C-alpha atoms as a PDB file:
ATOM      1  CA  MET A   1     -53.897  13.972   7.601  1.00  0.00           C
ATOM      2  CA  ASN A   2     -51.967  16.542   5.592  1.00  0.00           C
ATOM      3  CA  ILE A   3     -54.108  17.612   2.616  1.00  0.00           C
ATOM      4  CA  PRO A   4     -52.095  19.070  -0.291  1.00  0.00           C
ATOM      5  CA  SER A   5     -53.444  22.600  -0.431  1.00  0.00           C
ATOM      6  CA  ALA A   6     -53.038  22.871  -4.199  1.00  0.00           C
ATOM      7  CA  LEU A   7     -55.717  20.200  -4.510  1.00  0.00           C
ATOM      8  CA  ARG A   8     -58.266  21.745  -2.176  1.00  0.00           C
ATOM      9  CA  HIS A   9     -60.716  23.164  -4.689  1.00  0.00           C
ATOM     10  CA  PRO A  10     -62.973  21.353  -7.147  1.00  0.00           C
ATOM     11  CA  LEU A  11     -62.297  22.648 -10.640  1.00  0.00           C
ATOM     12  CA  VAL A  12     -64.210  22.525 -13.890  1.00  0.00           C
ATOM     13  CA  SER A  13     -62.524  22.966 -17.259  1.00  0.00           C
ATOM     14  CA  ILE A  14     -62.401  21.658 -20.809  1.00  0.00           C
ATOM     15  CA  ALA A  15     -63.009  18.208 -22.288  1.00  0.00           C
ATOM     16  CA  ALA A  16     -61.019  15.154 -21.274  1.00  0.00           C
ATOM     17  CA  VAL A  17     -58.762  12.979 -23.377  1.00  0.00           C
ATOM     18  CA  THR A  18     -59.804   9.477 -24.316  1.00  0.00           C
ATOM     19  CA  VAL A  19     -57.247   6.685 -24.525  1.00  0.00           C
ATOM     20  CA  PHE A  20     -58.037   4.184 -27.264  1.00  0.00           C
ATOM     21  CA  THR A  21     -56.799   0.654 -27.625  1.00  0.00           C
ATOM     22  CA  VAL A  22     -56.207  -0.293 -31.241  1.00  0.00           C
ATOM     23  CA  GLY A  23     -57.091  -3.789 -32.329  1.00  0.00           C
ATOM     24  CA  LEU A  24     -56.096  -5.885 -35.309  1.00  0.00           C
ATOM     25  CA  PRO A  25     -55.948  -4.364 -38.819  1.00  0.00           C
ATOM     26  CA  LEU A  26     -59.299  -4.036 -40.515  1.00  0.00           C
ATOM     27  CA  ALA A  27     -60.225  -6.206 -43.451  1.00  0.00           C
ATOM     28  CA  ALA A  28     -60.596  -4.384 -46.774  1.00  0.00           C
ATOM     29  CA  SER A  29     -64.365  -4.830 -46.657  1.00  0.00           C
ATOM     30  CA  ASP A  30     -64.411  -3.139 -43.234  1.00  0.00           C
ATOM     31  CA  ALA A  31     -62.206  -0.216 -44.202  1.00  0.00           C
ATOM     32  CA  PRO A  32     -63.162   2.935 -42.270  1.00  0.00           C
ATOM     33  CA  PRO A  33     -64.256   6.101 -44.078  1.00  0.00           C
ATOM     34  CA  PRO A  34     -61.349   8.208 -45.384  1.00  0.00           C
ATOM     35  CA  GLY A  35     -60.233  10.991 -43.087  1.00  0.00           C
ATOM     36  CA  THR A  36     -61.442   9.356 -39.884  1.00  0.00           C
ATOM     37  CA  MET A  37     -59.245   8.461 -36.958  1.00  0.00           C
ATOM     38  CA  ALA A  38     -59.833   4.786 -37.652  1.00  0.00           C
ATOM     39  CA  ALA A  39     -58.580   5.264 -41.198  1.00  0.00           C
ATOM     40  CA  VAL A  40     -55.483   7.112 -39.979  1.00  0.00           C
ATOM     41  CA  LEU A  41     -54.629   4.290 -37.593  1.00  0.00           C
ATOM     42  CA  ALA A  42     -55.344   1.596 -40.163  1.00  0.00           C
ATOM     43  CA  ALA A  43     -52.826   3.265 -42.479  1.00  0.00           C
ATOM     44  CA  SER A  44     -50.164   3.706 -39.801  1.00  0.00           C
ATOM     45  CA  THR A  45     -46.860   1.879 -40.104  1.00  0.00           C
ATOM     46  CA  ALA A  46     -44.678   0.224 -37.490  1.00  0.00           C
ATOM     47  CA  GLU A  47     -42.476   3.338 -37.463  1.00  0.00           C
ATOM     48  CA  ASP A  48     -45.438   5.400 -36.254  1.00  0.00           C
ATOM     49  CA  TRP A  49     -45.503   3.464 -32.980  1.00  0.00           C
ATOM     50  CA  ARG A  50     -43.009   3.250 -30.132  1.00  0.00           C
ATOM     51  CA  PRO A  51     -42.668   0.823 -27.229  1.00  0.00           C
ATOM     52  CA  LEU A  52     -42.782   2.165 -23.702  1.00  0.00           C
ATOM     53  CA  ASP A  53     -39.362   2.597 -22.138  1.00  0.00           C
ATOM     54  CA  PRO A  54     -39.269   0.411 -18.967  1.00  0.00           C
ATOM     55  CA  GLU A  55     -37.179   3.087 -17.250  1.00  0.00           C
ATOM     56  CA  LYS A  56     -40.002   5.578 -17.805  1.00  0.00           C
ATOM     57  CA  THR A  57     -42.969   3.284 -17.129  1.00  0.00           C
ATOM     58  CA  LEU A  58     -44.710   3.109 -13.752  1.00  0.00           C
ATOM     59  CA  TYR A  59     -47.053   0.279 -12.743  1.00  0.00           C
ATOM     60  CA  VAL A  60     -49.632   0.861 -10.006  1.00  0.00           C
ATOM     61  CA  ASP A  61     -50.954  -2.592  -9.135  1.00  0.00           C
ATOM     62  CA  LEU A  62     -54.323  -2.749  -7.393  1.00  0.00           C
ATOM     63  CA  ASP A  63     -56.514  -5.720  -6.511  1.00  0.00           C
ATOM     64  CA  ALA A  64     -58.645  -4.801  -9.540  1.00  0.00           C
ATOM     65  CA  GLY A  65     -55.730  -4.666 -11.990  1.00  0.00           C
ATOM     66  CA  ARG A  66     -52.846  -2.535 -13.223  1.00  0.00           C
ATOM     67  CA  VAL A  67     -52.717   1.164 -14.034  1.00  0.00           C
ATOM     68  CA  ILE A  68     -49.830   2.088 -16.340  1.00  0.00           C
ATOM     69  CA  PHE A  69     -48.259   5.533 -16.435  1.00  0.00           C
ATOM     70  CA  GLU A  70     -45.607   6.888 -18.763  1.00  0.00           C
ATOM     71  CA  LEU A  71     -43.231   9.240 -16.957  1.00  0.00           C
ATOM     72  CA  ALA A  72     -41.589  12.407 -18.271  1.00  0.00           C
ATOM     73  CA  PRO A  73     -38.098  12.692 -16.724  1.00  0.00           C
ATOM     74  CA  ASN A  74     -37.122  15.568 -19.020  1.00  0.00           C
ATOM     75  CA  PHE A  75     -39.788  17.656 -17.313  1.00  0.00           C
ATOM     76  CA  ALA A  76     -39.432  16.465 -13.694  1.00  0.00           C
ATOM     77  CA  PRO A  77     -36.110  14.653 -13.244  1.00  0.00           C
ATOM     78  CA  ALA A  78     -35.731  15.195  -9.496  1.00  0.00           C
ATOM     79  CA  HIS A  79     -39.268  14.092  -8.607  1.00  0.00           C
ATOM     80  CA  ILE A  80     -39.037  11.005 -10.781  1.00  0.00           C
ATOM     81  CA  ALA A  81     -35.670  10.101  -9.259  1.00  0.00           C
ATOM     82  CA  ASN A  82     -37.236  10.379  -5.793  1.00  0.00           C
ATOM     83  CA  LEU A  83     -40.193   8.296  -6.949  1.00  0.00           C
ATOM     84  CA  ARG A  84     -37.743   5.656  -8.166  1.00  0.00           C
ATOM     85  CA  SER A  85     -36.118   5.638  -4.737  1.00  0.00           C
ATOM     86  CA  LEU A  86     -39.500   5.207  -3.053  1.00  0.00           C
ATOM     87  CA  THR A  87     -40.576   2.363  -5.322  1.00  0.00           C
ATOM     88  CA  LEU A  88     -37.265   0.503  -4.999  1.00  0.00           C
ATOM     89  CA  SER A  89     -37.728   0.449  -1.234  1.00  0.00           C
ATOM     90  CA  GLY A  90     -41.319  -0.788  -1.583  1.00  0.00           C
ATOM     91  CA  TRP A  91     -42.532   2.338   0.185  1.00  0.00           C
ATOM     92  CA  PHE A  92     -45.958   2.413  -1.506  1.00  0.00           C
ATOM     93  CA  ASP A  93     -46.677  -1.285  -1.001  1.00  0.00           C
ATOM     94  CA  GLY A  94     -49.590  -1.707   1.391  1.00  0.00           C
ATOM     95  CA  LEU A  95     -50.544   1.976   1.334  1.00  0.00           C
ATOM     96  CA  SER A  96     -53.813   3.102  -0.217  1.00  0.00           C
ATOM     97  CA  ILE A  97     -55.911   5.327  -2.408  1.00  0.00           C
ATOM     98  CA  ASN A  98     -57.299   7.800   0.101  1.00  0.00           C
ATOM     99  CA  ARG A  99     -59.235  10.306  -1.918  1.00  0.00           C
ATOM    100  CA  VAL A 100     -61.552  10.180  -4.922  1.00  0.00           C
ATOM    101  CA  GLN A 101     -63.180  13.524  -5.659  1.00  0.00           C
ATOM    102  CA  ASP A 102     -65.798  13.520  -8.378  1.00  0.00           C
ATOM    103  CA  ASN A 103     -64.754  15.290 -11.591  1.00  0.00           C
ATOM    104  CA  PHE A 104     -61.318  16.041 -10.156  1.00  0.00           C
ATOM    105  CA  VAL A 105     -58.697  13.577  -8.884  1.00  0.00           C
ATOM    106  CA  THR A 106     -57.916  10.178  -7.405  1.00  0.00           C
ATOM    107  CA  GLN A 107     -55.106  10.522  -4.875  1.00  0.00           C
ATOM    108  CA  TRP A 108     -52.897   7.981  -3.102  1.00  0.00           C
ATOM    109  CA  GLY A 109     -50.077   7.722  -0.616  1.00  0.00           C
ATOM    110  CA  ASP A 110     -49.693   7.388   3.161  1.00  0.00           C
ATOM    111  CA  PRO A 111     -53.073   8.231   4.743  1.00  0.00           C
ATOM    112  CA  GLU A 112     -51.466   9.083   8.074  1.00  0.00           C
ATOM    113  CA  SER A 113     -48.416  10.910   6.661  1.00  0.00           C
ATOM    114  CA  SER A 114     -46.270   9.011   9.152  1.00  0.00           C
ATOM    115  CA  LYS A 115     -44.382   6.331   7.220  1.00  0.00           C
ATOM    116  CA  PRO A 116     -40.604   6.975   7.213  1.00  0.00           C
ATOM    117  CA  LEU A 117     -39.185   7.892   3.825  1.00  0.00           C
ATOM    118  CA  GLY A 118     -35.875   6.163   4.349  1.00  0.00           C
ATOM    119  CA  SER A 119     -33.238   7.557   1.996  1.00  0.00           C
ATOM    120  CA  SER A 120     -35.828   9.350  -0.158  1.00  0.00           C
ATOM    121  CA  LYS A 121     -36.098  13.128   0.089  1.00  0.00           C
ATOM    122  CA  ALA A 122     -38.880  14.814   2.057  1.00  0.00           C
ATOM    123  CA  LYS A 123     -38.856  18.042   0.019  1.00  0.00           C
ATOM    124  CA  LEU A 124     -37.863  18.915  -3.523  1.00  0.00           C
ATOM    125  CA  ALA A 125     -37.606  22.151  -5.437  1.00  0.00           C
ATOM    126  CA  PRO A 126     -40.680  22.473  -7.658  1.00  0.00           C
ATOM    127  CA  GLU A 127     -40.442  21.382 -11.283  1.00  0.00           C
ATOM    128  CA  PHE A 128     -43.496  23.227 -12.518  1.00  0.00           C
ATOM    129  CA  GLU A 129     -41.893  24.207 -15.823  1.00  0.00           C
ATOM    130  CA  GLN A 130     -38.682  23.790 -17.772  1.00  0.00           C
ATOM    131  CA  THR A 131     -36.568  25.962 -20.031  1.00  0.00           C
ATOM    132  CA  TRP A 132     -37.425  25.262 -23.659  1.00  0.00           C
ATOM    133  CA  ASN A 133     -34.982  22.831 -25.236  1.00  0.00           C
ATOM    134  CA  ARG A 134     -34.736  23.442 -28.960  1.00  0.00           C
ATOM    135  CA  THR A 135     -33.870  19.792 -29.555  1.00  0.00           C
ATOM    136  CA  TRP A 136     -37.427  18.924 -28.528  1.00  0.00           C
ATOM    137  CA  ARG A 137     -40.046  18.778 -31.217  1.00  0.00           C
ATOM    138  CA  MET A 138     -43.507  20.097 -30.455  1.00  0.00           C
ATOM    139  CA  THR A 139     -46.403  19.022 -32.656  1.00  0.00           C
ATOM    140  CA  ARG A 140     -48.484  22.168 -32.234  1.00  0.00           C
ATOM    141  CA  LEU A 141     -52.235  22.505 -32.311  1.00  0.00           C
ATOM    142  CA  PRO A 142     -53.545  25.146 -34.711  1.00  0.00           C
ATOM    143  CA  ASP A 143     -56.513  26.344 -32.659  1.00  0.00           C
ATOM    144  CA  GLY A 144     -54.961  28.275 -29.790  1.00  0.00           C
ATOM    145  CA  ASP A 145     -55.467  27.816 -26.068  1.00  0.00           C
ATOM    146  CA  VAL A 146     -56.945  29.678 -23.125  1.00  0.00           C
ATOM    147  CA  TYR A 147     -54.100  28.909 -20.737  1.00  0.00           C
ATOM    148  CA  ALA A 148     -50.937  29.230 -22.818  1.00  0.00           C
ATOM    149  CA  PRO A 149     -49.597  30.992 -25.920  1.00  0.00           C
ATOM    150  CA  GLN A 150     -48.771  27.674 -27.627  1.00  0.00           C
ATOM    151  CA  VAL A 151     -49.866  24.087 -26.974  1.00  0.00           C
ATOM    152  CA  GLY A 152     -49.165  20.730 -28.534  1.00  0.00           C
ATOM    153  CA  PHE A 153     -47.376  17.468 -27.846  1.00  0.00           C
ATOM    154  CA  ILE A 154     -43.781  16.865 -26.806  1.00  0.00           C
ATOM    155  CA  GLU A 155     -42.391  13.338 -26.454  1.00  0.00           C
ATOM    156  CA  GLY A 156     -45.913  11.954 -26.242  1.00  0.00           C
ATOM    157  CA  PHE A 157     -47.201  14.365 -23.591  1.00  0.00           C
ATOM    158  CA  PRO A 158     -49.685  17.234 -23.881  1.00  0.00           C
ATOM    159  CA  ALA A 159     -47.625  20.334 -23.223  1.00  0.00           C
ATOM    160  CA  ALA A 160     -47.818  24.105 -23.271  1.00  0.00           C
ATOM    161  CA  MET A 161     -45.229  26.710 -24.056  1.00  0.00           C
ATOM    162  CA  ASP A 162     -44.515  30.402 -23.782  1.00  0.00           C
ATOM    163  CA  GLU A 163     -42.091  30.807 -26.656  1.00  0.00           C
ATOM    164  CA  ARG A 164     -41.154  34.378 -25.792  1.00  0.00           C
ATOM    165  CA  ALA A 165     -40.281  33.436 -22.223  1.00  0.00           C
ATOM    166  CA  GLY A 166     -38.579  30.229 -23.335  1.00  0.00           C
ATOM    167  CA  LYS A 167     -40.632  28.127 -20.904  1.00  0.00           C
ATOM    168  CA  VAL A 168     -42.479  24.847 -21.424  1.00  0.00           C
ATOM    169  CA  TRP A 169     -44.603  22.725 -19.099  1.00  0.00           C
ATOM    170  CA  LEU A 170     -46.818  19.656 -19.015  1.00  0.00           C
ATOM    171  CA  THR A 171     -50.548  20.243 -18.765  1.00  0.00           C
ATOM    172  CA  HIS A 172     -53.394  18.857 -16.693  1.00  0.00           C
ATOM    173  CA  CYS A 173     -55.533  16.658 -18.932  1.00  0.00           C
ATOM    174  CA  TYR A 174     -57.531  13.553 -18.077  1.00  0.00           C
ATOM    175  CA  GLY A 175     -55.093  10.908 -16.847  1.00  0.00           C
ATOM    176  CA  THR A 176     -52.349  13.378 -15.886  1.00  0.00           C
ATOM    177  CA  LEU A 177     -50.113  12.114 -13.069  1.00  0.00           C
ATOM    178  CA  GLY A 178     -49.094  14.828 -10.651  1.00  0.00           C
ATOM    179  CA  VAL A 179     -47.283  15.275  -7.347  1.00  0.00           C
ATOM    180  CA  GLY A 180     -49.405  16.429  -4.428  1.00  0.00           C
ATOM    181  CA  ARG A 181     -48.033  19.279  -2.363  1.00  0.00           C
ATOM    182  CA  ASP A 182     -48.966  21.536   0.547  1.00  0.00           C
ATOM    183  CA  THR A 183     -48.860  25.335   0.409  1.00  0.00           C
ATOM    184  CA  ALA A 184     -45.085  25.562   0.141  1.00  0.00           C
ATOM    185  CA  ALA A 185     -43.871  25.083  -3.423  1.00  0.00           C
ATOM    186  CA  ASP A 186     -41.140  22.691  -2.280  1.00  0.00           C
ATOM    187  CA  SER A 187     -43.424  20.466  -0.166  1.00  0.00           C
ATOM    188  CA  GLY A 188     -44.015  17.836  -2.868  1.00  0.00           C
ATOM    189  CA  ASN A 189     -41.738  14.816  -3.113  1.00  0.00           C
ATOM    190  CA  ALA A 190     -43.678  12.198  -5.164  1.00  0.00           C
ATOM    191  CA  ALA A 191     -44.785  10.291  -2.059  1.00  0.00           C
ATOM    192  CA  GLU A 192     -48.284  11.714  -2.602  1.00  0.00           C
ATOM    193  CA  LEU A 193     -49.546  11.260  -6.145  1.00  0.00           C
ATOM    194  CA  TYR A 194     -52.796  11.965  -7.937  1.00  0.00           C
ATOM    195  CA  ALA A 195     -54.360  11.282 -11.327  1.00  0.00           C
ATOM    196  CA  VAL A 196     -56.891  13.595 -12.954  1.00  0.00           C
ATOM    197  CA  ILE A 197     -60.220  11.769 -13.374  1.00  0.00           C
ATOM    198  CA  GLY A 198     -62.419  14.638 -14.524  1.00  0.00           C
ATOM    199  CA  HIS A 199     -62.462  17.593 -16.877  1.00  0.00           C
ATOM    200  CA  ALA A 200     -59.012  19.033 -17.383  1.00  0.00           C
ATOM    201  CA  PRO A 201     -58.137  21.373 -14.451  1.00  0.00           C
ATOM    202  CA  ARG A 202     -55.701  23.430 -16.481  1.00  0.00           C
ATOM    203  CA  GLN A 203     -55.490  26.147 -13.832  1.00  0.00           C
ATOM    204  CA  LEU A 204     -53.238  23.724 -11.950  1.00  0.00           C
ATOM    205  CA  ASP A 205     -50.661  24.023 -14.738  1.00  0.00           C
ATOM    206  CA  ARG A 206     -47.368  25.451 -13.446  1.00  0.00           C
ATOM    207  CA  ASN A 207     -48.630  25.174  -9.864  1.00  0.00           C
ATOM    208  CA  ILE A 208     -47.973  21.456  -9.383  1.00  0.00           C
ATOM    209  CA  THR A 209     -45.214  19.221 -10.686  1.00  0.00           C
ATOM    210  CA  VAL A 210     -46.549  16.948 -13.418  1.00  0.00           C
ATOM    211  CA  ILE A 211     -44.531  13.759 -13.850  1.00  0.00           C
ATOM    212  CA  GLY A 212     -46.450  11.783 -16.475  1.00  0.00           C
ATOM    213  CA  ARG A 213     -49.765  10.550 -17.797  1.00  0.00           C
ATOM    214  CA  ALA A 214     -51.844   7.376 -17.783  1.00  0.00           C
ATOM    215  CA  ILE A 215     -51.401   5.000 -20.689  1.00  0.00           C
ATOM    216  CA  ARG A 216     -53.801   2.262 -19.626  1.00  0.00           C
ATOM    217  CA  GLY A 217     -56.096   1.371 -16.741  1.00  0.00           C
ATOM    218  CA  MET A 218     -57.625   4.757 -15.940  1.00  0.00           C
ATOM    219  CA  GLU A 219     -61.005   3.110 -15.463  1.00  0.00           C
ATOM    220  CA  LEU A 220     -59.574   1.493 -12.329  1.00  0.00           C
ATOM    221  CA  LEU A 221     -59.088   4.976 -10.856  1.00  0.00           C
ATOM    222  CA  SER A 222     -61.981   6.930 -12.337  1.00  0.00           C
ATOM    223  CA  ALA A 223     -64.710   4.395 -11.470  1.00  0.00           C
ATOM    224  CA  LEU A 224     -63.872   4.125  -7.773  1.00  0.00           C
ATOM    225  CA  PRO A 225     -66.460   5.092  -5.134  1.00  0.00           C
ATOM    226  CA  ARG A 226     -66.325   8.787  -4.348  1.00  0.00           C
ATOM    227  CA  GLY A 227     -65.203   9.759  -0.867  1.00  0.00           C
ATOM    228  CA  THR A 228     -67.874  11.287   1.359  1.00  0.00           C
ATOM    229  CA  MET A 229     -65.617  13.595   3.358  1.00  0.00           C
ATOM    230  CA  PRO A 230     -64.755  17.073   2.114  1.00  0.00           C
ATOM    231  CA  LEU A 231     -62.547  16.981  -0.992  1.00  0.00           C
ATOM    232  CA  GLY A 232     -63.467  13.359  -1.607  1.00  0.00           C
ATOM    233  CA  PHE A 233     -61.438  11.769   1.183  1.00  0.00           C
ATOM    234  CA  TYR A 234     -62.709   8.452   2.495  1.00  0.00           C
ATOM    235  CA  ALA A 235     -64.355   8.673   5.910  1.00  0.00           C
ATOM    236  CA  LYS A 236     -63.201   5.283   7.184  1.00  0.00           C
ATOM    237  CA  ALA A 237     -59.977   3.337   6.819  1.00  0.00           C
ATOM    238  CA  GLU A 238     -61.827   0.321   5.429  1.00  0.00           C
ATOM    239  CA  GLU A 239     -63.108   2.445   2.530  1.00  0.00           C
ATOM    240  CA  ARG A 240     -59.611   3.103   1.240  1.00  0.00           C
ATOM    241  CA  ILE A 241     -58.434   1.144  -1.792  1.00  0.00           C
ATOM    242  CA  PRO A 242     -55.307  -0.901  -0.989  1.00  0.00           C
ATOM    243  CA  ILE A 243     -52.229  -0.652  -3.182  1.00  0.00           C
ATOM    244  CA  ARG A 244     -50.511  -3.965  -3.822  1.00  0.00           C
ATOM    245  CA  ARG A 245     -47.323  -2.437  -5.138  1.00  0.00           C
ATOM    246  CA  ILE A 246     -45.926   0.377  -7.257  1.00  0.00           C
ATOM    247  CA  ARG A 247     -42.887  -0.346  -9.401  1.00  0.00           C
ATOM    248  CA  PHE A 248     -41.015   0.901 -12.422  1.00  0.00           C
ATOM    249  CA  ALA A 249     -41.331  -1.611 -15.261  1.00  0.00           C
ATOM    250  CA  ALA A 250     -37.516  -1.753 -15.424  1.00  0.00           C
ATOM    251  CA  ASP A 251     -37.438  -3.195 -11.907  1.00  0.00           C
ATOM    252  CA  LEU A 252     -39.682  -6.140 -12.794  1.00  0.00           C
ATOM    253  CA  PRO A 253     -38.797  -9.270 -14.775  1.00  0.00           C
ATOM    254  CA  PRO A 254     -39.854  -9.045 -18.446  1.00  0.00           C
ATOM    255  CA  ALA A 255     -42.542 -11.663 -17.840  1.00  0.00           C
ATOM    256  CA  GLU A 256     -44.267  -9.310 -15.381  1.00  0.00           C
ATOM    257  CA  ARG A 257     -44.308  -6.320 -17.741  1.00  0.00           C
ATOM    258  CA  THR A 258     -47.261  -5.304 -19.912  1.00  0.00           C
ATOM    259  CA  PRO A 259     -46.243  -5.219 -23.615  1.00  0.00           C
ATOM    260  CA  ILE A 260     -47.881  -2.150 -25.127  1.00  0.00           C
ATOM    261  CA  GLU A 261     -46.844   0.590 -27.507  1.00  0.00           C
ATOM    262  CA  VAL A 262     -47.940   4.169 -28.082  1.00  0.00           C
ATOM    263  CA  LEU A 263     -48.547   6.206 -31.221  1.00  0.00           C
ATOM    264  CA  ARG A 264     -45.709   8.669 -31.653  1.00  0.00           C
ATOM    265  CA  THR A 265     -46.702  12.333 -31.536  1.00  0.00           C
ATOM    266  CA  ASP A 266     -43.907  13.622 -33.775  1.00  0.00           C
ATOM    267  CA  THR A 267     -45.049  12.134 -37.096  1.00  0.00           C
ATOM    268  CA  SER A 268     -47.270  13.068 -40.020  1.00  0.00           C
ATOM    269  CA  THR A 269     -49.573  10.251 -38.920  1.00  0.00           C
ATOM    270  CA  PHE A 270     -50.225  11.981 -35.608  1.00  0.00           C
ATOM    271  CA  THR A 271     -50.775  15.287 -37.395  1.00  0.00           C
ATOM    272  CA  ALA A 272     -53.376  13.526 -39.552  1.00  0.00           C
ATOM    273  CA  LEU A 273     -54.961  12.075 -36.426  1.00  0.00           C
ATOM    274  CA  ILE A 274     -55.300  15.559 -34.947  1.00  0.00           C
ATOM    275  CA  GLU A 275     -57.028  16.757 -38.101  1.00  0.00           C
ATOM    276  CA  SER A 276     -59.362  13.743 -38.028  1.00  0.00           C
ATOM    277  CA  ARG A 277     -60.481  14.831 -34.568  1.00  0.00           C
ATOM    278  CA  ARG A 278     -60.766  18.535 -35.452  1.00  0.00           C
ATOM    279  CA  ASN A 279     -63.043  17.813 -38.416  1.00  0.00           C
ATOM    280  CA  ARG A 280     -64.953  14.641 -37.679  1.00  0.00           C
ATOM    281  CA  ARG A 281     -65.845  12.749 -40.845  1.00  0.00           C
ATOM    282  CA  ASP A 282     -67.518   9.851 -39.100  1.00  0.00           C
ATOM    283  CA  GLU A 283     -70.994   9.202 -40.502  1.00  0.00           C
ATOM    284  CA  TRP A 284     -72.695  10.268 -37.264  1.00  0.00           C
ATOM    285  CA  TYR A 285     -71.307  13.841 -37.320  1.00  0.00           C
ATOM    286  CA  LEU A 286     -73.472  16.358 -39.163  1.00  0.00           C
ATOM    287  CA  GLN A 287     -71.476  19.451 -38.198  1.00  0.00           C
ATOM    288  CA  PRO A 288     -67.699  19.057 -37.712  1.00  0.00           C
ATOM    289  CA  ALA A 289     -66.337  21.453 -35.107  1.00  0.00           C
ATOM    290  CA  GLY A 290     -63.274  22.465 -37.096  1.00  0.00           C
ATOM    291  CA  LYS A 291     -61.354  23.040 -33.844  1.00  0.00           C
ATOM    292  CA  ILE A 292     -59.946  20.980 -31.001  1.00  0.00           C
ATOM    293  CA  ASP A 293     -58.449  21.672 -27.591  1.00  0.00           C
ATOM    294  CA  LEU A 294     -55.321  20.070 -26.234  1.00  0.00           C
ATOM    295  CA  CYS A 295     -57.012  17.689 -23.821  1.00  0.00           C
ATOM    296  CA  SER A 296     -59.399  16.310 -26.456  1.00  0.00           C
ATOM    297  CA  VAL A 297     -56.680  14.818 -28.661  1.00  0.00           C
ATOM    298  CA  PRO A 298     -56.345  11.083 -27.949  1.00  0.00           C
ATOM    299  CA  ILE A 299     -52.980   9.324 -28.013  1.00  0.00           C
ATOM    300  CA  PRO A 300     -53.723   5.732 -29.047  1.00  0.00           C
ATOM    301  CA  VAL A 301     -52.090   2.695 -27.468  1.00  0.00           C
ATOM    302  CA  ARG A 302     -52.135  -0.948 -28.515  1.00  0.00           C
ATOM    303  CA  GLU A 303     -50.709  -4.318 -27.622  1.00  0.00           C
ATOM    304  CA  ARG A 304     -47.118  -4.524 -28.758  1.00  0.00           C
ATOM    305  CA  ARG A 305     -46.767  -6.714 -31.847  1.00  0.00           C
END
């Protein structure tokens, strides 16, 4: 089996992001303390939330349930177009999750690397970074970063930027969806995908094409049995986790789609949420940190109203 060489080393890095599901509005008597994340969300308006675009939403359906990813075509248009081609042909259906490495990634695709790709491309030029588009809005974090000159959120995705070089890229946080590749930079084609299930391996940034991030269902990937072979691959075929199907939401009838929405990252509400996580005012916290790293900022989701 061809093992993507960029994923051959276990990595340890900074804290992972948590995805929250927001419930019904709180009653006045249950109002959260001012300045907390719960208070920020309770005060949010409908304009602070956005529905997922079906053209940018990927469903990975397993026997245990559905994992939902939001895709970032502005950052990886060619890989996402190839992924669309693969899903339209049903290429992933009946394949499997083949690797679960503790504190690193869950990876899926063709375990034998032998299934014909049909009209989909076998190789693509890497899309590790993009030229900065000044029409994009980045909600920047104030606390700096080890891996990049500037970090923040663009179009709902954790991103990094080198303003002087005019380059921007998506980062490896918990739930990041990436394209596996071999040693050659152009050897990835979105037929081999992985999701980060451990601490953020930010040293992968700009070495692998990132195409999106998990919105819901990460527990279905992170709680799987770990593989016992090197790098977390499963030793036997029967250990692999079967994939029922992978589809873009746009290619399914509305009745088969999951109606959820995401907190926008380009609003004052999201800026307030960041501050609520930098300086925790929850009753339990005795010493607020006063700082936060990129992969520790949650992006809440909720059922669409």
